[in-house]
Amino acid sequence: MKIIGLTGSIGMGKSATADLFRRLRIPVYDADRAVHRLSEKGGSAVPAIARAFPGAVVDGAVDRTRLGTVVFQDKSDLARLEAILHPLVKEARLRFLRRARARRCPLVVLDIPLLLETGGEKEVDCVVVVTCPAFLQAARALARPGMSAAKLARIRALQMADAEKRRRADLVIQTGRGFRPVLADIILLRRHLLEGKP
């Protein structure tokens, strides 16, 4: 089984690209969705987050807006949150890979925003980085609920620079060109990985 690591900074089009892999019936593990499940009511991360960040849990679930205002201000708070979440997210990822191997899937995608920041490239066969021009990235990110220019700047400061991600990629996908070119890139990648063709 070949494993693709899919990553990219905020607003670069990673989620839309992951959806295209799904349309081609390639299983995708979504680290962000795993975090959502861990943080919702009954999620296994909720008690530890409540202890570490008083006021961040409301009615048994993590209030992501409240938590975000704390962790995106201070790198040490972000590190504390990651120490809680990363082991639980890794467990979910390993379960996904075990199921995929049991089903004999030839190709899977790990959609992980911090793939390169956490050394996750060692666990995949191919690193795909999605990117787009900075003005388009900003427009996409600022269209999200609760996003502001100041919050976007803080998030960008915590993420690896886009140029460094592109430098470390096996394949860079430019998402500013529209749907069809991105899909064509994915189809070529699938062919290369499964058939060994250029």
N, C-alpha and C. Protein backbone atom coordinates (compact mmCIF):
# COMPACT_ATOMS: atom_id res chain seq x y z
N MET A 1 0.84 -1.19 0.00
CA MET A 1 0.00 0.00 0.00
C MET A 1 0.88 1.25 0.00
N LYS A 2 0.60 2.17 -0.91
CA LYS A 2 1.32 3.43 -0.99
C LYS A 2 0.58 4.49 -0.18
N ILE A 3 1.35 5.31 0.54
CA ILE A 3 0.77 6.33 1.40
C ILE A 3 1.20 7.71 0.90
N ILE A 4 0.21 8.54 0.60
CA ILE A 4 0.46 9.93 0.20
C ILE A 4 0.24 10.81 1.42
N GLY A 5 1.19 11.67 1.71
CA GLY A 5 1.01 12.69 2.74
C GLY A 5 0.60 13.99 2.08
N LEU A 6 -0.60 14.46 2.40
CA LEU A 6 -1.14 15.68 1.79
C LEU A 6 -1.09 16.80 2.83
N THR A 7 -0.48 17.92 2.47
CA THR A 7 -0.37 19.02 3.42
C THR A 7 -0.38 20.35 2.68
N GLY A 8 -0.45 21.42 3.46
CA GLY A 8 -0.47 22.77 2.91
C GLY A 8 -0.93 23.73 3.99
N SER A 9 -0.55 24.97 3.85
CA SER A 9 -0.90 25.98 4.85
C SER A 9 -2.37 26.36 4.75
N ILE A 10 -2.84 27.12 5.74
CA ILE A 10 -4.24 27.54 5.78
C ILE A 10 -4.64 28.27 4.50
N GLY A 11 -5.81 27.93 3.98
CA GLY A 11 -6.36 28.61 2.82
C GLY A 11 -5.76 28.21 1.48
N MET A 12 -4.91 27.18 1.47
CA MET A 12 -4.24 26.79 0.23
C MET A 12 -5.06 25.83 -0.65
N GLY A 13 -6.16 25.27 -0.09
CA GLY A 13 -7.00 24.38 -0.89
C GLY A 13 -6.80 22.91 -0.59
N LYS A 14 -6.28 22.62 0.59
CA LYS A 14 -6.00 21.22 0.93
C LYS A 14 -7.27 20.38 1.05
N SER A 15 -8.30 20.92 1.70
CA SER A 15 -9.54 20.15 1.88
C SER A 15 -10.21 19.86 0.55
N ALA A 16 -10.23 20.86 -0.33
CA ALA A 16 -10.82 20.64 -1.66
C ALA A 16 -10.02 19.60 -2.45
N THR A 17 -8.70 19.62 -2.30
CA THR A 17 -7.85 18.63 -2.97
C THR A 17 -8.10 17.24 -2.40
N ALA A 18 -8.25 17.14 -1.08
CA ALA A 18 -8.55 15.85 -0.45
C ALA A 18 -9.87 15.29 -0.99
N ASP A 19 -10.85 16.17 -1.22
CA ASP A 19 -12.14 15.72 -1.76
C ASP A 19 -11.97 15.12 -3.16
N LEU A 20 -11.03 15.65 -3.93
CA LEU A 20 -10.79 15.09 -5.27
C LEU A 20 -10.19 13.69 -5.17
N PHE A 21 -9.31 13.46 -4.20
CA PHE A 21 -8.81 12.10 -3.99
C PHE A 21 -9.97 11.16 -3.65
N ARG A 22 -10.89 11.63 -2.80
CA ARG A 22 -12.05 10.80 -2.44
C ARG A 22 -12.91 10.48 -3.66
N ARG A 23 -13.05 11.46 -4.54
CA ARG A 23 -13.86 11.23 -5.75
C ARG A 23 -13.26 10.13 -6.62
N LEU A 24 -11.96 9.96 -6.51
CA LEU A 24 -11.28 8.88 -7.25
C LEU A 24 -11.25 7.58 -6.43
N ARG A 25 -12.03 7.55 -5.36
CA ARG A 25 -12.17 6.36 -4.48
C ARG A 25 -10.86 5.99 -3.79
N ILE A 26 -10.06 7.00 -3.49
CA ILE A 26 -8.84 6.81 -2.70
C ILE A 26 -9.17 7.19 -1.27
N PRO A 27 -9.05 6.27 -0.31
CA PRO A 27 -9.39 6.60 1.08
C PRO A 27 -8.51 7.72 1.63
N VAL A 28 -9.14 8.64 2.37
CA VAL A 28 -8.44 9.79 2.93
C VAL A 28 -8.65 9.82 4.44
N TYR A 29 -7.55 9.89 5.16
CA TYR A 29 -7.59 10.14 6.60
C TYR A 29 -7.45 11.64 6.80
N ASP A 30 -8.40 12.25 7.51
CA ASP A 30 -8.43 13.69 7.72
C ASP A 30 -8.08 13.98 9.18
N ALA A 31 -6.88 14.51 9.42
CA ALA A 31 -6.44 14.78 10.78
C ALA A 31 -7.31 15.83 11.46
N ASP A 32 -7.77 16.83 10.69
CA ASP A 32 -8.63 17.86 11.28
C ASP A 32 -9.95 17.25 11.77
N ARG A 33 -10.53 16.35 10.97
CA ARG A 33 -11.78 15.71 11.41
C ARG A 33 -11.56 14.85 12.64
N ALA A 34 -10.40 14.20 12.70
CA ALA A 34 -10.08 13.41 13.89
C ALA A 34 -10.03 14.30 15.12
N VAL A 35 -9.44 15.49 14.99
CA VAL A 35 -9.38 16.43 16.11
C VAL A 35 -10.79 16.87 16.51
N HIS A 36 -11.64 17.12 15.52
CA HIS A 36 -13.04 17.50 15.82
C HIS A 36 -13.73 16.41 16.64
N ARG A 37 -13.55 15.16 16.22
CA ARG A 37 -14.20 14.05 16.95
C ARG A 37 -13.65 13.94 18.37
N LEU A 38 -12.36 14.13 18.53
CA LEU A 38 -11.76 14.05 19.86
C LEU A 38 -12.22 15.19 20.77
N SER A 39 -12.62 16.31 20.16
CA SER A 39 -12.96 17.52 20.92
C SER A 39 -14.45 17.71 21.14
N GLU A 40 -15.28 16.89 20.47
CA GLU A 40 -16.72 17.06 20.63
C GLU A 40 -17.20 16.37 21.91
N LYS A 41 -18.47 16.54 22.23
CA LYS A 41 -19.01 15.96 23.45
C LYS A 41 -18.74 14.45 23.49
N GLY A 42 -18.14 13.99 24.59
CA GLY A 42 -17.78 12.58 24.71
C GLY A 42 -16.43 12.24 24.12
N GLY A 43 -15.77 13.19 23.47
CA GLY A 43 -14.47 12.95 22.85
C GLY A 43 -13.39 12.71 23.89
N SER A 44 -12.43 11.86 23.56
CA SER A 44 -11.44 11.45 24.55
C SER A 44 -10.46 12.55 24.93
N ALA A 45 -10.38 13.64 24.14
CA ALA A 45 -9.46 14.73 24.48
C ALA A 45 -10.10 15.77 25.40
N VAL A 46 -11.42 15.73 25.54
CA VAL A 46 -12.14 16.80 26.26
C VAL A 46 -11.67 16.95 27.72
N PRO A 47 -11.58 15.87 28.52
CA PRO A 47 -11.17 16.06 29.93
C PRO A 47 -9.79 16.71 30.07
N ALA A 48 -8.82 16.27 29.27
CA ALA A 48 -7.46 16.83 29.38
C ALA A 48 -7.44 18.29 28.94
N ILE A 49 -8.20 18.63 27.91
CA ILE A 49 -8.25 20.03 27.46
C ILE A 49 -8.92 20.90 28.51
N ALA A 50 -9.96 20.38 29.15
CA ALA A 50 -10.64 21.13 30.21
C ALA A 50 -9.68 21.43 31.37
N ARG A 51 -8.82 20.46 31.70
CA ARG A 51 -7.86 20.68 32.79
C ARG A 51 -6.77 21.68 32.38
N ALA A 52 -6.31 21.58 31.14
CA ALA A 52 -5.19 22.42 30.70
C ALA A 52 -5.62 23.84 30.35
N PHE A 53 -6.87 23.99 29.90
CA PHE A 53 -7.35 25.29 29.43
C PHE A 53 -8.73 25.59 30.04
N PRO A 54 -8.76 26.03 31.29
CA PRO A 54 -10.03 26.31 31.95
C PRO A 54 -10.89 27.29 31.13
N GLY A 55 -12.16 26.95 30.99
CA GLY A 55 -13.08 27.79 30.22
C GLY A 55 -13.18 27.43 28.76
N ALA A 56 -12.31 26.52 28.28
CA ALA A 56 -12.33 26.15 26.86
C ALA A 56 -13.37 25.08 26.55
N VAL A 57 -13.91 24.42 27.59
CA VAL A 57 -14.92 23.38 27.38
C VAL A 57 -16.27 23.93 27.86
N VAL A 58 -17.25 23.86 26.96
CA VAL A 58 -18.60 24.36 27.25
C VAL A 58 -19.60 23.24 26.95
N ASP A 59 -20.43 22.91 27.93
CA ASP A 59 -21.43 21.85 27.77
C ASP A 59 -20.82 20.53 27.29
N GLY A 60 -19.65 20.22 27.82
CA GLY A 60 -19.03 18.93 27.54
C GLY A 60 -18.25 18.83 26.24
N ALA A 61 -18.16 19.93 25.50
CA ALA A 61 -17.41 19.93 24.24
C ALA A 61 -16.44 21.10 24.22
N VAL A 62 -15.36 20.95 23.48
CA VAL A 62 -14.38 22.03 23.37
C VAL A 62 -14.97 23.14 22.50
N ASP A 63 -14.95 24.36 23.01
CA ASP A 63 -15.33 25.53 22.24
C ASP A 63 -14.09 25.97 21.47
N ARG A 64 -14.07 25.65 20.19
CA ARG A 64 -12.86 25.87 19.38
C ARG A 64 -12.49 27.35 19.27
N THR A 65 -13.50 28.21 19.29
CA THR A 65 -13.22 29.65 19.20
C THR A 65 -12.50 30.12 20.45
N ARG A 66 -13.03 29.72 21.62
CA ARG A 66 -12.38 30.11 22.88
C ARG A 66 -10.98 29.54 22.98
N LEU A 67 -10.85 28.27 22.63
CA LEU A 67 -9.53 27.63 22.71
C LEU A 67 -8.56 28.30 21.74
N GLY A 68 -9.04 28.62 20.55
CA GLY A 68 -8.19 29.23 19.54
C GLY A 68 -7.65 30.58 19.94
N THR A 69 -8.47 31.36 20.66
CA THR A 69 -7.99 32.68 21.10
C THR A 69 -6.82 32.56 22.06
N VAL A 70 -6.75 31.41 22.76
CA VAL A 70 -5.65 31.19 23.70
C VAL A 70 -4.42 30.64 22.97
N VAL A 71 -4.60 29.53 22.25
CA VAL A 71 -3.42 28.81 21.74
C VAL A 71 -2.74 29.52 20.58
N PHE A 72 -3.47 30.35 19.82
CA PHE A 72 -2.83 31.04 18.72
C PHE A 72 -2.15 32.33 19.16
N GLN A 73 -2.21 32.64 20.46
CA GLN A 73 -1.51 33.81 21.00
C GLN A 73 -0.14 33.42 21.56
N ASP A 74 0.00 32.14 21.96
CA ASP A 74 1.18 31.74 22.72
C ASP A 74 1.65 30.36 22.27
N LYS A 75 2.88 30.29 21.81
CA LYS A 75 3.40 29.02 21.30
C LYS A 75 3.46 27.95 22.39
N SER A 76 3.69 28.34 23.63
CA SER A 76 3.76 27.34 24.70
C SER A 76 2.39 26.73 24.96
N ASP A 77 1.32 27.53 24.84
CA ASP A 77 -0.04 26.99 24.97
C ASP A 77 -0.36 26.06 23.81
N LEU A 78 0.07 26.44 22.61
CA LEU A 78 -0.15 25.57 21.45
C LEU A 78 0.58 24.24 21.64
N ALA A 79 1.80 24.29 22.17
CA ALA A 79 2.56 23.07 22.42
C ALA A 79 1.85 22.18 23.44
N ARG A 80 1.25 22.78 24.47
CA ARG A 80 0.49 22.00 25.47
C ARG A 80 -0.71 21.31 24.82
N LEU A 81 -1.40 22.04 23.96
CA LEU A 81 -2.55 21.45 23.27
C LEU A 81 -2.11 20.31 22.36
N GLU A 82 -1.02 20.52 21.63
CA GLU A 82 -0.52 19.48 20.72
C GLU A 82 -0.08 18.24 21.49
N ALA A 83 0.47 18.42 22.70
CA ALA A 83 0.88 17.27 23.52
C ALA A 83 -0.32 16.43 23.93
N ILE A 84 -1.48 17.06 24.05
CA ILE A 84 -2.71 16.32 24.36
C ILE A 84 -3.25 15.63 23.11
N LEU A 85 -3.30 16.36 22.02
CA LEU A 85 -3.99 15.87 20.83
C LEU A 85 -3.16 14.91 19.97
N HIS A 86 -1.87 15.18 19.81
CA HIS A 86 -1.09 14.40 18.85
C HIS A 86 -1.08 12.89 19.12
N PRO A 87 -0.91 12.43 20.36
CA PRO A 87 -0.95 10.97 20.57
C PRO A 87 -2.31 10.36 20.22
N LEU A 88 -3.40 11.07 20.51
CA LEU A 88 -4.74 10.57 20.20
C LEU A 88 -4.99 10.57 18.70
N VAL A 89 -4.51 11.60 18.02
CA VAL A 89 -4.66 11.67 16.57
C VAL A 89 -3.83 10.57 15.91
N LYS A 90 -2.65 10.30 16.45
CA LYS A 90 -1.81 9.22 15.90
C LYS A 90 -2.51 7.87 16.02
N GLU A 91 -3.16 7.63 17.16
CA GLU A 91 -3.91 6.38 17.32
C GLU A 91 -4.97 6.25 16.24
N ALA A 92 -5.71 7.32 15.98
CA ALA A 92 -6.76 7.29 14.96
C ALA A 92 -6.16 7.03 13.57
N ARG A 93 -5.01 7.65 13.30
CA ARG A 93 -4.34 7.46 12.01
C ARG A 93 -3.90 6.01 11.83
N LEU A 94 -3.35 5.41 12.87
CA LEU A 94 -2.90 4.01 12.79
C LEU A 94 -4.08 3.07 12.59
N ARG A 95 -5.23 3.38 13.22
CA ARG A 95 -6.44 2.56 13.00
C ARG A 95 -6.88 2.65 11.55
N PHE A 96 -6.84 3.86 10.97
CA PHE A 96 -7.19 4.05 9.56
C PHE A 96 -6.29 3.21 8.66
N LEU A 97 -4.98 3.26 8.91
CA LEU A 97 -4.04 2.51 8.08
C LEU A 97 -4.22 1.01 8.22
N ARG A 98 -4.50 0.54 9.43
CA ARG A 98 -4.75 -0.90 9.62
C ARG A 98 -5.98 -1.35 8.83
N ARG A 99 -7.05 -0.55 8.89
CA ARG A 99 -8.27 -0.89 8.14
C ARG A 99 -8.00 -0.90 6.63
N ALA A 100 -7.24 0.10 6.17
CA ALA A 100 -6.94 0.19 4.74
C ALA A 100 -6.12 -1.01 4.27
N ARG A 101 -5.15 -1.43 5.09
CA ARG A 101 -4.34 -2.61 4.72
C ARG A 101 -5.20 -3.87 4.72
N ALA A 102 -6.10 -3.98 5.69
CA ALA A 102 -6.98 -5.16 5.76
C ALA A 102 -7.88 -5.23 4.53
N ARG A 103 -8.26 -4.05 4.00
CA ARG A 103 -9.12 -4.01 2.80
C ARG A 103 -8.29 -4.05 1.52
N ARG A 104 -6.96 -4.16 1.69
CA ARG A 104 -6.04 -4.23 0.55
C ARG A 104 -6.15 -3.01 -0.38
N CYS A 105 -6.26 -1.84 0.22
CA CYS A 105 -6.28 -0.60 -0.57
C CYS A 105 -4.89 -0.37 -1.16
N PRO A 106 -4.79 -0.11 -2.45
CA PRO A 106 -3.47 0.09 -3.03
C PRO A 106 -2.86 1.46 -2.73
N LEU A 107 -3.74 2.44 -2.39
CA LEU A 107 -3.29 3.81 -2.23
C LEU A 107 -4.19 4.50 -1.20
N VAL A 108 -3.59 5.24 -0.28
CA VAL A 108 -4.35 6.03 0.70
C VAL A 108 -3.70 7.40 0.84
N VAL A 109 -4.48 8.34 1.40
CA VAL A 109 -4.00 9.70 1.63
C VAL A 109 -4.10 10.01 3.11
N LEU A 110 -3.04 10.58 3.67
CA LEU A 110 -3.07 11.13 5.01
C LEU A 110 -3.09 12.65 4.87
N ASP A 111 -4.24 13.25 5.15
CA ASP A 111 -4.43 14.70 5.07
C ASP A 111 -4.06 15.28 6.43
N ILE A 112 -2.84 15.82 6.52
CA ILE A 112 -2.30 16.28 7.81
C ILE A 112 -1.72 17.69 7.65
N PRO A 113 -2.39 18.70 8.25
CA PRO A 113 -1.89 20.07 8.09
C PRO A 113 -0.45 20.26 8.55
N LEU A 114 -0.04 19.61 9.64
CA LEU A 114 1.31 19.80 10.18
C LEU A 114 2.23 18.61 9.84
N LEU A 115 2.02 18.01 8.70
CA LEU A 115 2.80 16.83 8.30
C LEU A 115 4.31 17.09 8.39
N LEU A 116 4.76 18.17 7.79
CA LEU A 116 6.20 18.45 7.76
C LEU A 116 6.71 19.00 9.08
N GLU A 117 5.87 19.78 9.77
CA GLU A 117 6.28 20.35 11.05
C GLU A 117 6.51 19.27 12.11
N THR A 118 5.80 18.13 11.98
CA THR A 118 5.88 17.07 12.98
C THR A 118 6.74 15.88 12.52
N GLY A 119 7.42 16.00 11.39
CA GLY A 119 8.26 14.91 10.90
C GLY A 119 7.49 13.77 10.27
N GLY A 120 6.23 14.01 9.94
CA GLY A 120 5.38 12.96 9.38
C GLY A 120 5.77 12.49 7.99
N GLU A 121 6.64 13.24 7.31
CA GLU A 121 7.06 12.82 5.97
C GLU A 121 7.81 11.50 5.99
N LYS A 122 8.35 11.13 7.17
CA LYS A 122 9.07 9.85 7.27
C LYS A 122 8.10 8.66 7.18
N GLU A 123 6.81 8.89 7.40
CA GLU A 123 5.83 7.81 7.44
C GLU A 123 5.06 7.65 6.13
N VAL A 124 5.40 8.45 5.11
CA VAL A 124 4.66 8.39 3.85
C VAL A 124 5.61 8.11 2.68
N ASP A 125 5.03 7.68 1.56
CA ASP A 125 5.82 7.39 0.36
C ASP A 125 6.01 8.62 -0.52
N CYS A 126 5.11 9.59 -0.35
CA CYS A 126 5.12 10.76 -1.23
C CYS A 126 4.49 11.92 -0.49
N VAL A 127 5.14 13.09 -0.53
CA VAL A 127 4.60 14.29 0.10
C VAL A 127 4.04 15.21 -0.99
N VAL A 128 2.76 15.51 -0.86
CA VAL A 128 2.08 16.43 -1.78
C VAL A 128 1.75 17.71 -1.02
N VAL A 129 2.23 18.83 -1.52
CA VAL A 129 1.96 20.14 -0.92
C VAL A 129 1.05 20.93 -1.85
N VAL A 130 -0.05 21.43 -1.30
CA VAL A 130 -0.93 22.29 -2.08
C VAL A 130 -0.56 23.74 -1.78
N THR A 131 -0.64 24.57 -2.82
CA THR A 131 -0.26 25.97 -2.67
C THR A 131 -1.10 26.81 -3.62
N CYS A 132 -1.06 28.12 -3.41
CA CYS A 132 -1.71 29.07 -4.30
C CYS A 132 -1.09 30.44 -4.02
N PRO A 133 -1.36 31.44 -4.85
CA PRO A 133 -0.81 32.78 -4.56
C PRO A 133 -1.29 33.31 -3.21
N ALA A 134 -0.45 34.13 -2.58
CA ALA A 134 -0.75 34.63 -1.23
C ALA A 134 -2.05 35.40 -1.16
N PHE A 135 -2.39 36.17 -2.21
CA PHE A 135 -3.63 36.95 -2.18
C PHE A 135 -4.85 36.03 -2.17
N LEU A 136 -4.76 34.91 -2.89
CA LEU A 136 -5.87 33.96 -2.94
C LEU A 136 -5.98 33.20 -1.61
N GLN A 137 -4.83 32.84 -1.06
CA GLN A 137 -4.82 32.20 0.26
C GLN A 137 -5.51 33.08 1.28
N ALA A 138 -5.17 34.36 1.31
CA ALA A 138 -5.77 35.28 2.28
C ALA A 138 -7.27 35.41 2.05
N ALA A 139 -7.69 35.53 0.80
CA ALA A 139 -9.12 35.68 0.50
C ALA A 139 -9.90 34.45 0.95
N ARG A 140 -9.36 33.26 0.70
CA ARG A 140 -10.03 32.03 1.13
C ARG A 140 -10.11 31.95 2.65
N ALA A 141 -9.00 32.22 3.31
CA ALA A 141 -8.95 32.09 4.77
C ALA A 141 -9.87 33.11 5.44
N LEU A 142 -9.87 34.34 4.94
CA LEU A 142 -10.67 35.40 5.56
C LEU A 142 -12.17 35.21 5.33
N ALA A 143 -12.53 34.35 4.38
CA ALA A 143 -13.95 34.05 4.15
C ALA A 143 -14.49 33.05 5.19
N ARG A 144 -13.61 32.46 5.99
CA ARG A 144 -14.05 31.49 7.00
C ARG A 144 -14.70 32.22 8.18
N PRO A 145 -15.71 31.59 8.79
CA PRO A 145 -16.34 32.21 9.96
C PRO A 145 -15.33 32.41 11.09
N GLY A 146 -15.39 33.58 11.72
CA GLY A 146 -14.54 33.86 12.87
C GLY A 146 -13.10 34.22 12.54
N MET A 147 -12.77 34.28 11.25
CA MET A 147 -11.40 34.60 10.86
C MET A 147 -11.24 36.12 10.72
N SER A 148 -10.08 36.61 11.13
CA SER A 148 -9.74 38.03 10.97
C SER A 148 -8.33 38.10 10.42
N ALA A 149 -7.95 39.27 9.96
CA ALA A 149 -6.59 39.45 9.42
C ALA A 149 -5.55 39.18 10.51
N ALA A 150 -5.84 39.62 11.75
CA ALA A 150 -4.89 39.41 12.85
C ALA A 150 -4.77 37.93 13.17
N LYS A 151 -5.89 37.22 13.22
CA LYS A 151 -5.86 35.78 13.52
C LYS A 151 -5.12 35.03 12.41
N LEU A 152 -5.39 35.40 11.16
CA LEU A 152 -4.71 34.75 10.04
C LEU A 152 -3.20 34.97 10.14
N ALA A 153 -2.79 36.16 10.49
CA ALA A 153 -1.36 36.45 10.63
C ALA A 153 -0.73 35.60 11.71
N ARG A 154 -1.44 35.41 12.84
CA ARG A 154 -0.91 34.57 13.93
C ARG A 154 -0.78 33.11 13.48
N ILE A 155 -1.80 32.63 12.75
CA ILE A 155 -1.75 31.24 12.28
C ILE A 155 -0.60 31.05 11.30
N ARG A 156 -0.46 31.99 10.38
CA ARG A 156 0.63 31.90 9.40
C ARG A 156 2.00 31.89 10.09
N ALA A 157 2.13 32.68 11.16
CA ALA A 157 3.41 32.75 11.87
C ALA A 157 3.76 31.43 12.55
N LEU A 158 2.75 30.64 12.89
CA LEU A 158 2.98 29.36 13.56
C LEU A 158 3.24 28.22 12.57
N GLN A 159 2.87 28.43 11.31
CA GLN A 159 3.04 27.37 10.31
C GLN A 159 4.37 27.53 9.58
N MET A 160 4.87 26.41 9.08
CA MET A 160 6.08 26.45 8.25
C MET A 160 5.80 27.30 7.01
N ALA A 161 6.77 28.05 6.57
CA ALA A 161 6.60 28.90 5.40
C ALA A 161 6.24 28.06 4.17
N ASP A 162 5.36 28.61 3.35
CA ASP A 162 4.91 27.90 2.15
C ASP A 162 6.10 27.54 1.25
N ALA A 163 7.05 28.45 1.10
CA ALA A 163 8.21 28.18 0.24
C ALA A 163 9.00 26.97 0.74
N GLU A 164 9.13 26.82 2.07
CA GLU A 164 9.85 25.68 2.63
C GLU A 164 9.06 24.40 2.41
N LYS A 165 7.73 24.46 2.57
CA LYS A 165 6.92 23.27 2.30
C LYS A 165 7.07 22.82 0.85
N ARG A 166 7.02 23.79 -0.07
CA ARG A 166 7.15 23.44 -1.48
C ARG A 166 8.53 22.83 -1.77
N ARG A 167 9.55 23.35 -1.10
CA ARG A 167 10.91 22.83 -1.30
C ARG A 167 11.00 21.37 -0.87
N ARG A 168 10.26 21.00 0.16
CA ARG A 168 10.35 19.65 0.72
C ARG A 168 9.34 18.67 0.10
N ALA A 169 8.55 19.13 -0.85
CA ALA A 169 7.50 18.30 -1.45
C ALA A 169 8.05 17.40 -2.56
N ASP A 170 7.41 16.26 -2.73
CA ASP A 170 7.65 15.42 -3.91
C ASP A 170 6.82 15.93 -5.09
N LEU A 171 5.65 16.49 -4.76
CA LEU A 171 4.78 17.07 -5.79
C LEU A 171 4.12 18.31 -5.20
N VAL A 172 4.14 19.41 -5.96
CA VAL A 172 3.45 20.63 -5.57
C VAL A 172 2.24 20.78 -6.49
N ILE A 173 1.06 20.96 -5.89
CA ILE A 173 -0.17 21.16 -6.65
C ILE A 173 -0.61 22.61 -6.47
N GLN A 174 -0.72 23.31 -7.58
CA GLN A 174 -1.17 24.69 -7.59
C GLN A 174 -2.69 24.71 -7.66
N THR A 175 -3.35 25.13 -6.57
CA THR A 175 -4.82 25.06 -6.52
C THR A 175 -5.50 26.30 -7.07
N GLY A 176 -4.73 27.32 -7.42
CA GLY A 176 -5.34 28.53 -7.95
C GLY A 176 -5.73 28.43 -9.41
N ARG A 177 -5.47 27.28 -10.04
CA ARG A 177 -5.74 27.14 -11.48
C ARG A 177 -7.13 26.58 -11.78
N GLY A 178 -7.85 26.19 -10.74
CA GLY A 178 -9.17 25.62 -10.96
C GLY A 178 -9.18 24.11 -10.79
N PHE A 179 -10.38 23.55 -10.86
CA PHE A 179 -10.65 22.14 -10.56
C PHE A 179 -9.95 21.16 -11.49
N ARG A 180 -10.06 21.38 -12.79
CA ARG A 180 -9.59 20.36 -13.75
C ARG A 180 -8.08 20.14 -13.71
N PRO A 181 -7.25 21.18 -13.68
CA PRO A 181 -5.80 20.93 -13.59
C PRO A 181 -5.38 20.20 -12.31
N VAL A 182 -6.07 20.52 -11.20
CA VAL A 182 -5.74 19.83 -9.94
C VAL A 182 -6.10 18.36 -10.05
N LEU A 183 -7.27 18.06 -10.60
CA LEU A 183 -7.68 16.66 -10.78
C LEU A 183 -6.71 15.94 -11.71
N ALA A 184 -6.28 16.60 -12.76
CA ALA A 184 -5.31 15.99 -13.68
C ALA A 184 -4.01 15.66 -12.97
N ASP A 185 -3.53 16.57 -12.10
CA ASP A 185 -2.31 16.31 -11.33
C ASP A 185 -2.48 15.07 -10.45
N ILE A 186 -3.65 14.94 -9.83
CA ILE A 186 -3.90 13.81 -8.93
C ILE A 186 -3.95 12.50 -9.71
N ILE A 187 -4.59 12.53 -10.87
CA ILE A 187 -4.67 11.32 -11.70
C ILE A 187 -3.28 10.88 -12.15
N LEU A 188 -2.43 11.84 -12.52
CA LEU A 188 -1.05 11.50 -12.91
C LEU A 188 -0.27 10.93 -11.73
N LEU A 189 -0.48 11.51 -10.56
CA LEU A 189 0.21 11.01 -9.37
C LEU A 189 -0.23 9.57 -9.08
N ARG A 190 -1.53 9.33 -9.14
CA ARG A 190 -2.04 7.97 -8.90
C ARG A 190 -1.42 6.98 -9.88
N ARG A 191 -1.35 7.37 -11.15
CA ARG A 191 -0.78 6.50 -12.16
C ARG A 191 0.70 6.21 -11.86
N HIS A 192 1.41 7.27 -11.49
CA HIS A 192 2.85 7.12 -11.19
C HIS A 192 3.06 6.16 -10.01
N LEU A 193 2.28 6.34 -8.95
CA LEU A 193 2.48 5.52 -7.75
C LEU A 193 2.04 4.07 -7.93
N LEU A 194 0.95 3.88 -8.66
CA LEU A 194 0.41 2.52 -8.80
C LEU A 194 1.03 1.74 -9.95
N GLU A 195 1.45 2.46 -10.98
CA GLU A 195 1.95 1.76 -12.17
C GLU A 195 3.42 2.05 -12.44
N GLY A 196 4.00 2.96 -11.67
CA GLY A 196 5.40 3.31 -11.90
C GLY A 196 5.64 4.03 -13.20
N LYS A 197 4.58 4.73 -13.70
CA LYS A 197 4.71 5.44 -14.97
C LYS A 197 4.88 6.92 -14.70
N PRO A 198 5.63 7.60 -15.56
CA PRO A 198 5.84 9.05 -15.37
C PRO A 198 4.59 9.85 -15.71
